Amino acid sequence: MQTDDKTLASACKKILQQQSFANQNELRLRLIELGYEGISQSTVSRLLSQLGVVKVQNACGKKVYCITVETAPVRVESSIASQIEFITHNQATVVVKTHPGSAQLVARLVDIDPHTEILGTVGGNDTVLIIPKDINNIEACEAVVKTRLGVA
């Protein structure tokens, strides 16, 4: 089956919405099974990048490529705020709830430029815990996080 890049990207996205893959070769072989000929590892790598696919830890602890039906791809040129459901705190920790698969990226964006109000972060699949330097300044820590992530 000869196909254009748009059709291949669409097929790849659909497959990733239905199942997850531990490596690019598994995805490549699945595309070949579906009739897409001549798919190389570099083509799969390019597709994953275009679709904004991230590798996340699944419920069994295995790192897999996946894309969720709930979210649009996370792209550098798009607002990270679109991946965030809410930001709150419990007087001890700031919590950022994200769409599935986005938490580690959000945690990295908070960590990338150290701030005096933030001691550190822990990112899961859809939740980021941000540890403030001083719980007495939790509101200031939450404000820094919201500003950093573009959430008003």
N, C-alpha and C. Protein backbone atom coordinates (compact mmCIF):
# COMPACT_ATOMS: atom_id res chain seq x y z
N MET A 1 0.85 -1.17 0.00
CA MET A 1 0.00 0.00 0.00
C MET A 1 0.89 1.24 0.00
N GLN A 2 0.83 2.04 -1.04
CA GLN A 2 1.55 3.31 -1.08
C GLN A 2 0.68 4.36 -0.39
N THR A 3 1.31 5.23 0.36
CA THR A 3 0.54 6.19 1.12
C THR A 3 1.31 7.49 1.29
N ASP A 4 0.59 8.56 1.56
CA ASP A 4 1.26 9.83 1.82
C ASP A 4 1.51 9.97 3.32
N ASP A 5 2.29 10.99 3.70
CA ASP A 5 2.65 11.20 5.10
C ASP A 5 1.45 11.45 5.99
N LYS A 6 0.44 12.18 5.46
CA LYS A 6 -0.74 12.49 6.26
C LYS A 6 -1.53 11.23 6.60
N THR A 7 -1.70 10.35 5.63
CA THR A 7 -2.42 9.09 5.85
C THR A 7 -1.66 8.21 6.84
N LEU A 8 -0.35 8.14 6.69
CA LEU A 8 0.48 7.35 7.59
C LEU A 8 0.41 7.90 9.02
N ALA A 9 0.49 9.21 9.17
CA ALA A 9 0.40 9.83 10.49
C ALA A 9 -0.96 9.55 11.12
N SER A 10 -2.00 9.62 10.33
CA SER A 10 -3.35 9.34 10.82
C SER A 10 -3.47 7.89 11.29
N ALA A 11 -2.92 6.96 10.51
CA ALA A 11 -2.95 5.54 10.88
C ALA A 11 -2.15 5.30 12.15
N CYS A 12 -0.99 5.92 12.24
CA CYS A 12 -0.13 5.77 13.41
C CYS A 12 -0.85 6.29 14.66
N LYS A 13 -1.48 7.44 14.55
CA LYS A 13 -2.21 8.02 15.68
C LYS A 13 -3.33 7.08 16.13
N LYS A 14 -4.06 6.53 15.17
CA LYS A 14 -5.17 5.63 15.49
C LYS A 14 -4.66 4.38 16.22
N ILE A 15 -3.56 3.82 15.74
CA ILE A 15 -2.98 2.63 16.38
C ILE A 15 -2.55 2.95 17.81
N LEU A 16 -1.91 4.10 17.99
CA LEU A 16 -1.43 4.48 19.32
C LEU A 16 -2.58 4.79 20.28
N GLN A 17 -3.73 5.19 19.76
CA GLN A 17 -4.89 5.42 20.61
C GLN A 17 -5.49 4.10 21.07
N GLN A 18 -5.25 3.04 20.32
CA GLN A 18 -5.83 1.74 20.63
C GLN A 18 -4.93 0.84 21.47
N GLN A 19 -3.61 1.01 21.34
CA GLN A 19 -2.69 0.17 22.09
C GLN A 19 -1.37 0.90 22.29
N SER A 20 -0.55 0.38 23.19
CA SER A 20 0.74 1.00 23.45
C SER A 20 1.86 0.07 22.98
N PHE A 21 3.02 0.66 22.76
CA PHE A 21 4.16 -0.08 22.23
C PHE A 21 5.40 0.22 23.06
N ALA A 22 6.20 -0.81 23.35
CA ALA A 22 7.40 -0.64 24.16
C ALA A 22 8.55 -0.04 23.36
N ASN A 23 8.54 -0.25 22.05
CA ASN A 23 9.62 0.31 21.25
C ASN A 23 9.12 0.64 19.84
N GLN A 24 9.94 1.39 19.12
CA GLN A 24 9.54 1.85 17.79
C GLN A 24 9.41 0.70 16.80
N ASN A 25 10.20 -0.35 16.97
CA ASN A 25 10.11 -1.47 16.05
C ASN A 25 8.76 -2.18 16.15
N GLU A 26 8.21 -2.31 17.37
CA GLU A 26 6.89 -2.93 17.52
C GLU A 26 5.84 -2.14 16.73
N LEU A 27 5.90 -0.82 16.82
CA LEU A 27 4.97 0.03 16.09
C LEU A 27 5.21 -0.10 14.59
N ARG A 28 6.45 -0.12 14.18
CA ARG A 28 6.80 -0.27 12.76
C ARG A 28 6.23 -1.58 12.21
N LEU A 29 6.40 -2.67 12.95
CA LEU A 29 5.89 -3.97 12.51
C LEU A 29 4.36 -3.97 12.41
N ARG A 30 3.70 -3.28 13.34
CA ARG A 30 2.23 -3.19 13.30
C ARG A 30 1.76 -2.43 12.07
N LEU A 31 2.46 -1.34 11.74
CA LEU A 31 2.12 -0.58 10.54
C LEU A 31 2.31 -1.44 9.28
N ILE A 32 3.37 -2.22 9.26
CA ILE A 32 3.61 -3.12 8.12
C ILE A 32 2.50 -4.17 8.02
N GLU A 33 2.08 -4.73 9.17
CA GLU A 33 0.96 -5.69 9.19
C GLU A 33 -0.30 -5.09 8.59
N LEU A 34 -0.48 -3.78 8.79
CA LEU A 34 -1.66 -3.11 8.26
C LEU A 34 -1.51 -2.70 6.81
N GLY A 35 -0.37 -3.05 6.20
CA GLY A 35 -0.19 -2.81 4.78
C GLY A 35 0.64 -1.59 4.40
N TYR A 36 1.22 -0.93 5.37
CA TYR A 36 2.08 0.22 5.05
C TYR A 36 3.49 -0.30 4.80
N GLU A 37 3.89 -0.30 3.53
CA GLU A 37 5.17 -0.89 3.13
C GLU A 37 6.31 0.12 3.29
N GLY A 38 7.51 -0.43 3.46
CA GLY A 38 8.70 0.40 3.47
C GLY A 38 8.81 1.36 4.64
N ILE A 39 8.25 0.98 5.77
CA ILE A 39 8.31 1.83 6.96
C ILE A 39 9.62 1.55 7.68
N SER A 40 10.46 2.56 7.81
CA SER A 40 11.73 2.41 8.51
C SER A 40 11.61 2.91 9.95
N GLN A 41 12.62 2.59 10.74
CA GLN A 41 12.65 3.06 12.12
C GLN A 41 12.69 4.58 12.15
N SER A 42 13.43 5.19 11.22
CA SER A 42 13.51 6.66 11.20
C SER A 42 12.16 7.29 10.85
N THR A 43 11.38 6.62 10.01
CA THR A 43 10.04 7.09 9.68
C THR A 43 9.16 7.06 10.93
N VAL A 44 9.25 5.97 11.68
CA VAL A 44 8.47 5.84 12.92
C VAL A 44 8.90 6.92 13.92
N SER A 45 10.19 7.14 14.04
CA SER A 45 10.69 8.17 14.94
C SER A 45 10.14 9.55 14.57
N ARG A 46 10.13 9.85 13.28
CA ARG A 46 9.60 11.13 12.79
C ARG A 46 8.10 11.23 13.08
N LEU A 47 7.36 10.15 12.86
CA LEU A 47 5.93 10.14 13.15
C LEU A 47 5.65 10.40 14.63
N LEU A 48 6.40 9.75 15.50
CA LEU A 48 6.21 9.92 16.94
C LEU A 48 6.46 11.38 17.34
N SER A 49 7.47 11.96 16.75
CA SER A 49 7.77 13.36 17.03
C SER A 49 6.66 14.28 16.53
N GLN A 50 6.18 14.04 15.31
CA GLN A 50 5.10 14.85 14.74
C GLN A 50 3.82 14.77 15.55
N LEU A 51 3.54 13.60 16.08
CA LEU A 51 2.31 13.38 16.83
C LEU A 51 2.43 13.80 18.29
N GLY A 52 3.63 14.17 18.72
CA GLY A 52 3.82 14.58 20.10
C GLY A 52 3.71 13.42 21.09
N VAL A 53 4.04 12.23 20.62
CA VAL A 53 3.94 11.03 21.46
C VAL A 53 5.07 11.04 22.50
N VAL A 54 4.72 10.66 23.71
CA VAL A 54 5.71 10.57 24.78
C VAL A 54 5.77 9.13 25.28
N LYS A 55 6.89 8.79 25.87
CA LYS A 55 7.03 7.47 26.46
C LYS A 55 6.71 7.61 27.94
N VAL A 56 5.73 6.85 28.40
CA VAL A 56 5.29 6.93 29.79
C VAL A 56 5.30 5.54 30.41
N GLN A 57 5.29 5.52 31.72
CA GLN A 57 5.25 4.26 32.43
C GLN A 57 3.80 3.81 32.55
N ASN A 58 3.52 2.57 32.13
CA ASN A 58 2.16 2.06 32.22
C ASN A 58 1.90 1.47 33.60
N ALA A 59 0.72 0.92 33.80
CA ALA A 59 0.33 0.39 35.10
C ALA A 59 1.22 -0.76 35.57
N CYS A 60 1.87 -1.44 34.64
CA CYS A 60 2.76 -2.55 34.98
C CYS A 60 4.19 -2.09 35.21
N GLY A 61 4.43 -0.79 35.09
CA GLY A 61 5.77 -0.25 35.30
C GLY A 61 6.65 -0.27 34.07
N LYS A 62 6.08 -0.63 32.92
CA LYS A 62 6.84 -0.72 31.67
C LYS A 62 6.72 0.61 30.91
N LYS A 63 7.83 1.11 30.37
CA LYS A 63 7.82 2.34 29.58
C LYS A 63 7.28 2.02 28.19
N VAL A 64 6.25 2.76 27.78
CA VAL A 64 5.61 2.52 26.50
C VAL A 64 5.30 3.83 25.79
N TYR A 65 5.26 3.77 24.45
CA TYR A 65 4.79 4.90 23.67
C TYR A 65 3.28 4.85 23.68
N CYS A 66 2.68 5.99 23.91
CA CYS A 66 1.22 6.01 23.84
C CYS A 66 0.74 7.41 23.56
N ILE A 67 -0.44 7.47 22.99
CA ILE A 67 -1.13 8.73 22.77
C ILE A 67 -2.54 8.48 23.28
N THR A 68 -3.12 9.47 23.91
CA THR A 68 -4.44 9.26 24.47
C THR A 68 -5.50 9.91 23.60
N VAL A 69 -6.68 9.39 23.67
CA VAL A 69 -7.81 9.94 22.93
C VAL A 69 -8.17 11.31 23.51
N GLU A 70 -7.94 11.50 24.81
CA GLU A 70 -8.38 12.71 25.50
C GLU A 70 -7.59 13.96 25.12
N THR A 71 -6.35 13.80 24.68
CA THR A 71 -5.50 14.98 24.52
C THR A 71 -5.02 15.15 23.09
N ALA A 72 -4.78 16.39 22.77
CA ALA A 72 -4.08 16.71 21.53
C ALA A 72 -2.60 16.52 21.81
N PRO A 73 -1.79 16.37 20.78
CA PRO A 73 -0.36 16.21 21.01
C PRO A 73 0.23 17.44 21.71
N VAL A 74 1.22 17.17 22.56
CA VAL A 74 1.95 18.26 23.19
C VAL A 74 3.01 18.70 22.20
N ARG A 75 2.95 19.91 21.76
CA ARG A 75 3.92 20.44 20.80
C ARG A 75 4.57 21.67 21.40
N VAL A 76 5.81 21.89 21.05
CA VAL A 76 6.54 23.03 21.59
C VAL A 76 5.83 24.33 21.26
N GLU A 77 5.27 24.44 20.06
CA GLU A 77 4.64 25.69 19.67
C GLU A 77 3.24 25.87 20.26
N SER A 78 2.69 24.83 20.89
CA SER A 78 1.38 24.98 21.52
C SER A 78 1.56 25.32 22.99
N SER A 79 0.53 25.83 23.58
CA SER A 79 0.58 26.23 24.98
C SER A 79 0.54 25.00 25.87
N ILE A 80 1.48 24.93 26.80
CA ILE A 80 1.47 23.83 27.75
C ILE A 80 0.23 23.91 28.64
N ALA A 81 -0.30 25.12 28.79
CA ALA A 81 -1.51 25.30 29.61
C ALA A 81 -2.67 24.45 29.09
N SER A 82 -2.67 24.14 27.80
CA SER A 82 -3.74 23.31 27.23
C SER A 82 -3.70 21.88 27.75
N GLN A 83 -2.58 21.47 28.35
CA GLN A 83 -2.45 20.12 28.89
C GLN A 83 -2.77 20.05 30.38
N ILE A 84 -3.09 21.20 30.99
CA ILE A 84 -3.30 21.26 32.43
C ILE A 84 -4.79 21.37 32.75
N GLU A 85 -5.25 20.50 33.64
CA GLU A 85 -6.65 20.52 34.08
C GLU A 85 -6.84 21.51 35.22
N PHE A 86 -5.96 21.46 36.23
CA PHE A 86 -6.03 22.43 37.32
C PHE A 86 -4.73 22.42 38.12
N ILE A 87 -4.54 23.50 38.89
CA ILE A 87 -3.40 23.63 39.81
C ILE A 87 -3.98 24.05 41.15
N THR A 88 -3.59 23.35 42.20
CA THR A 88 -4.07 23.66 43.54
C THR A 88 -3.00 23.29 44.56
N HIS A 89 -3.28 23.49 45.83
CA HIS A 89 -2.37 23.05 46.88
C HIS A 89 -3.16 22.62 48.10
N ASN A 90 -2.48 21.89 49.00
CA ASN A 90 -3.13 21.41 50.23
C ASN A 90 -2.41 21.93 51.47
N GLN A 91 -1.83 23.10 51.37
CA GLN A 91 -1.04 23.74 52.44
C GLN A 91 0.35 23.12 52.61
N ALA A 92 0.64 22.04 51.89
CA ALA A 92 1.96 21.42 52.01
C ALA A 92 2.62 21.18 50.65
N THR A 93 1.81 20.89 49.62
CA THR A 93 2.31 20.54 48.30
C THR A 93 1.42 21.17 47.24
N VAL A 94 2.05 21.67 46.18
CA VAL A 94 1.28 22.17 45.03
C VAL A 94 1.04 20.98 44.11
N VAL A 95 -0.18 20.82 43.64
CA VAL A 95 -0.54 19.71 42.76
C VAL A 95 -0.98 20.28 41.41
N VAL A 96 -0.38 19.74 40.34
CA VAL A 96 -0.78 20.09 38.98
C VAL A 96 -1.40 18.83 38.38
N LYS A 97 -2.66 18.89 38.04
CA LYS A 97 -3.35 17.77 37.39
C LYS A 97 -3.32 18.03 35.90
N THR A 98 -2.80 17.07 35.13
CA THR A 98 -2.66 17.23 33.68
C THR A 98 -3.48 16.18 32.94
N HIS A 99 -3.55 16.33 31.64
CA HIS A 99 -4.12 15.27 30.81
C HIS A 99 -3.16 14.08 30.87
N PRO A 100 -3.65 12.86 30.69
CA PRO A 100 -2.79 11.68 30.75
C PRO A 100 -1.57 11.79 29.83
N GLY A 101 -0.42 11.44 30.38
CA GLY A 101 0.81 11.44 29.61
C GLY A 101 1.57 12.76 29.61
N SER A 102 1.03 13.80 30.22
CA SER A 102 1.66 15.12 30.16
C SER A 102 2.41 15.52 31.43
N ALA A 103 2.24 14.79 32.51
CA ALA A 103 2.79 15.23 33.80
C ALA A 103 4.31 15.31 33.81
N GLN A 104 4.99 14.35 33.20
CA GLN A 104 6.45 14.38 33.23
C GLN A 104 7.00 15.58 32.46
N LEU A 105 6.36 15.93 31.36
CA LEU A 105 6.76 17.12 30.61
C LEU A 105 6.54 18.38 31.44
N VAL A 106 5.40 18.47 32.10
CA VAL A 106 5.09 19.62 32.94
C VAL A 106 6.10 19.72 34.08
N ALA A 107 6.41 18.58 34.72
CA ALA A 107 7.40 18.58 35.81
C ALA A 107 8.75 19.07 35.31
N ARG A 108 9.13 18.63 34.12
CA ARG A 108 10.42 19.07 33.54
C ARG A 108 10.41 20.57 33.29
N LEU A 109 9.31 21.10 32.81
CA LEU A 109 9.23 22.54 32.55
C LEU A 109 9.32 23.35 33.85
N VAL A 110 8.79 22.82 34.93
CA VAL A 110 8.90 23.50 36.22
C VAL A 110 10.35 23.41 36.73
N ASP A 111 10.99 22.26 36.55
CA ASP A 111 12.35 22.02 37.04
C ASP A 111 13.44 22.70 36.22
N ILE A 112 13.18 22.96 34.95
CA ILE A 112 14.23 23.38 34.02
C ILE A 112 14.96 24.66 34.45
N ASP A 113 14.25 25.54 35.14
CA ASP A 113 14.83 26.79 35.60
C ASP A 113 14.55 26.91 37.10
N PRO A 114 15.49 26.52 37.95
CA PRO A 114 15.24 26.50 39.39
C PRO A 114 14.72 27.85 39.92
N HIS A 115 13.81 27.78 40.87
CA HIS A 115 13.24 28.97 41.50
C HIS A 115 13.35 28.80 43.02
N THR A 116 13.58 29.89 43.70
CA THR A 116 13.79 29.82 45.15
C THR A 116 12.57 29.31 45.91
N GLU A 117 11.38 29.44 45.35
CA GLU A 117 10.17 28.96 46.04
C GLU A 117 9.96 27.46 45.88
N ILE A 118 10.68 26.83 44.93
CA ILE A 118 10.44 25.41 44.60
C ILE A 118 11.64 24.56 45.00
N LEU A 119 11.37 23.56 45.85
CA LEU A 119 12.41 22.63 46.27
C LEU A 119 12.61 21.53 45.22
N GLY A 120 11.51 21.04 44.64
CA GLY A 120 11.60 19.98 43.63
C GLY A 120 10.23 19.54 43.16
N THR A 121 10.23 18.63 42.16
CA THR A 121 8.99 18.11 41.60
C THR A 121 9.05 16.60 41.46
N VAL A 122 7.87 16.00 41.40
CA VAL A 122 7.72 14.58 41.09
C VAL A 122 6.60 14.50 40.06
N GLY A 123 6.90 13.93 38.88
CA GLY A 123 5.89 13.82 37.83
C GLY A 123 5.50 12.38 37.58
N GLY A 124 4.23 12.12 37.60
CA GLY A 124 3.71 10.80 37.26
C GLY A 124 3.16 10.79 35.85
N ASN A 125 2.02 10.18 35.64
CA ASN A 125 1.38 10.14 34.33
C ASN A 125 0.50 11.37 34.12
N ASP A 126 -0.32 11.69 35.12
CA ASP A 126 -1.23 12.83 34.98
C ASP A 126 -1.25 13.74 36.20
N THR A 127 -0.26 13.59 37.08
CA THR A 127 -0.18 14.42 38.27
C THR A 127 1.27 14.81 38.54
N VAL A 128 1.46 16.09 38.85
CA VAL A 128 2.78 16.59 39.25
C VAL A 128 2.66 17.11 40.68
N LEU A 129 3.57 16.65 41.54
CA LEU A 129 3.65 17.17 42.90
C LEU A 129 4.83 18.12 42.94
N ILE A 130 4.59 19.33 43.42
CA ILE A 130 5.65 20.33 43.52
C ILE A 130 5.86 20.63 45.00
N ILE A 131 7.08 20.39 45.45
CA ILE A 131 7.41 20.57 46.85
C ILE A 131 7.93 21.99 47.04
N PRO A 132 7.25 22.77 47.87
CA PRO A 132 7.71 24.14 48.10
C PRO A 132 8.91 24.16 49.04
N LYS A 133 9.72 25.20 48.91
CA LYS A 133 10.85 25.35 49.82
C LYS A 133 10.35 25.60 51.24
N ASP A 134 9.26 26.36 51.36
CA ASP A 134 8.70 26.71 52.67
C ASP A 134 7.18 26.62 52.58
N ILE A 135 6.57 25.72 53.34
CA ILE A 135 5.11 25.57 53.27
C ILE A 135 4.37 26.80 53.75
N ASN A 136 5.05 27.66 54.49
CA ASN A 136 4.41 28.91 54.92
C ASN A 136 4.24 29.88 53.75
N ASN A 137 4.93 29.63 52.65
CA ASN A 137 4.82 30.45 51.44
C ASN A 137 4.20 29.65 50.29
N ILE A 138 3.28 28.75 50.62
CA ILE A 138 2.69 27.86 49.61
C ILE A 138 1.97 28.64 48.50
N GLU A 139 1.31 29.73 48.85
CA GLU A 139 0.63 30.52 47.82
C GLU A 139 1.63 31.11 46.83
N ALA A 140 2.79 31.56 47.33
CA ALA A 140 3.83 32.10 46.44
C ALA A 140 4.37 31.01 45.53
N CYS A 141 4.55 29.81 46.06
CA CYS A 141 5.01 28.67 45.24
C CYS A 141 3.99 28.35 44.16
N GLU A 142 2.72 28.31 44.55
CA GLU A 142 1.65 28.03 43.57
C GLU A 142 1.63 29.11 42.49
N ALA A 143 1.81 30.37 42.87
CA ALA A 143 1.82 31.48 41.90
C ALA A 143 2.98 31.33 40.92
N VAL A 144 4.15 30.93 41.42
CA VAL A 144 5.32 30.72 40.55
C VAL A 144 5.03 29.62 39.54
N VAL A 145 4.43 28.53 40.02
CA VAL A 145 4.10 27.40 39.13
C VAL A 145 3.10 27.85 38.06
N LYS A 146 2.06 28.54 38.47
CA LYS A 146 1.04 29.00 37.51
C LYS A 146 1.66 29.93 36.46
N THR A 147 2.52 30.84 36.90
CA THR A 147 3.17 31.75 35.96
C THR A 147 4.07 30.98 35.00
N ARG A 148 4.85 30.08 35.54
CA ARG A 148 5.79 29.30 34.73
C ARG A 148 5.06 28.47 33.67
N LEU A 149 3.86 27.98 34.00
CA LEU A 149 3.11 27.12 33.08
C LEU A 149 2.07 27.89 32.25
N GLY A 150 2.01 29.20 32.45
CA GLY A 150 1.09 30.02 31.65
C GLY A 150 -0.37 29.85 32.00
N VAL A 151 -0.63 29.53 33.27
CA VAL A 151 -2.01 29.36 33.73
C VAL A 151 -2.34 30.53 34.64
N ALA A 152 -3.35 31.29 34.27
CA ALA A 152 -3.70 32.51 35.06
C ALA A 152 -4.43 32.17 36.32
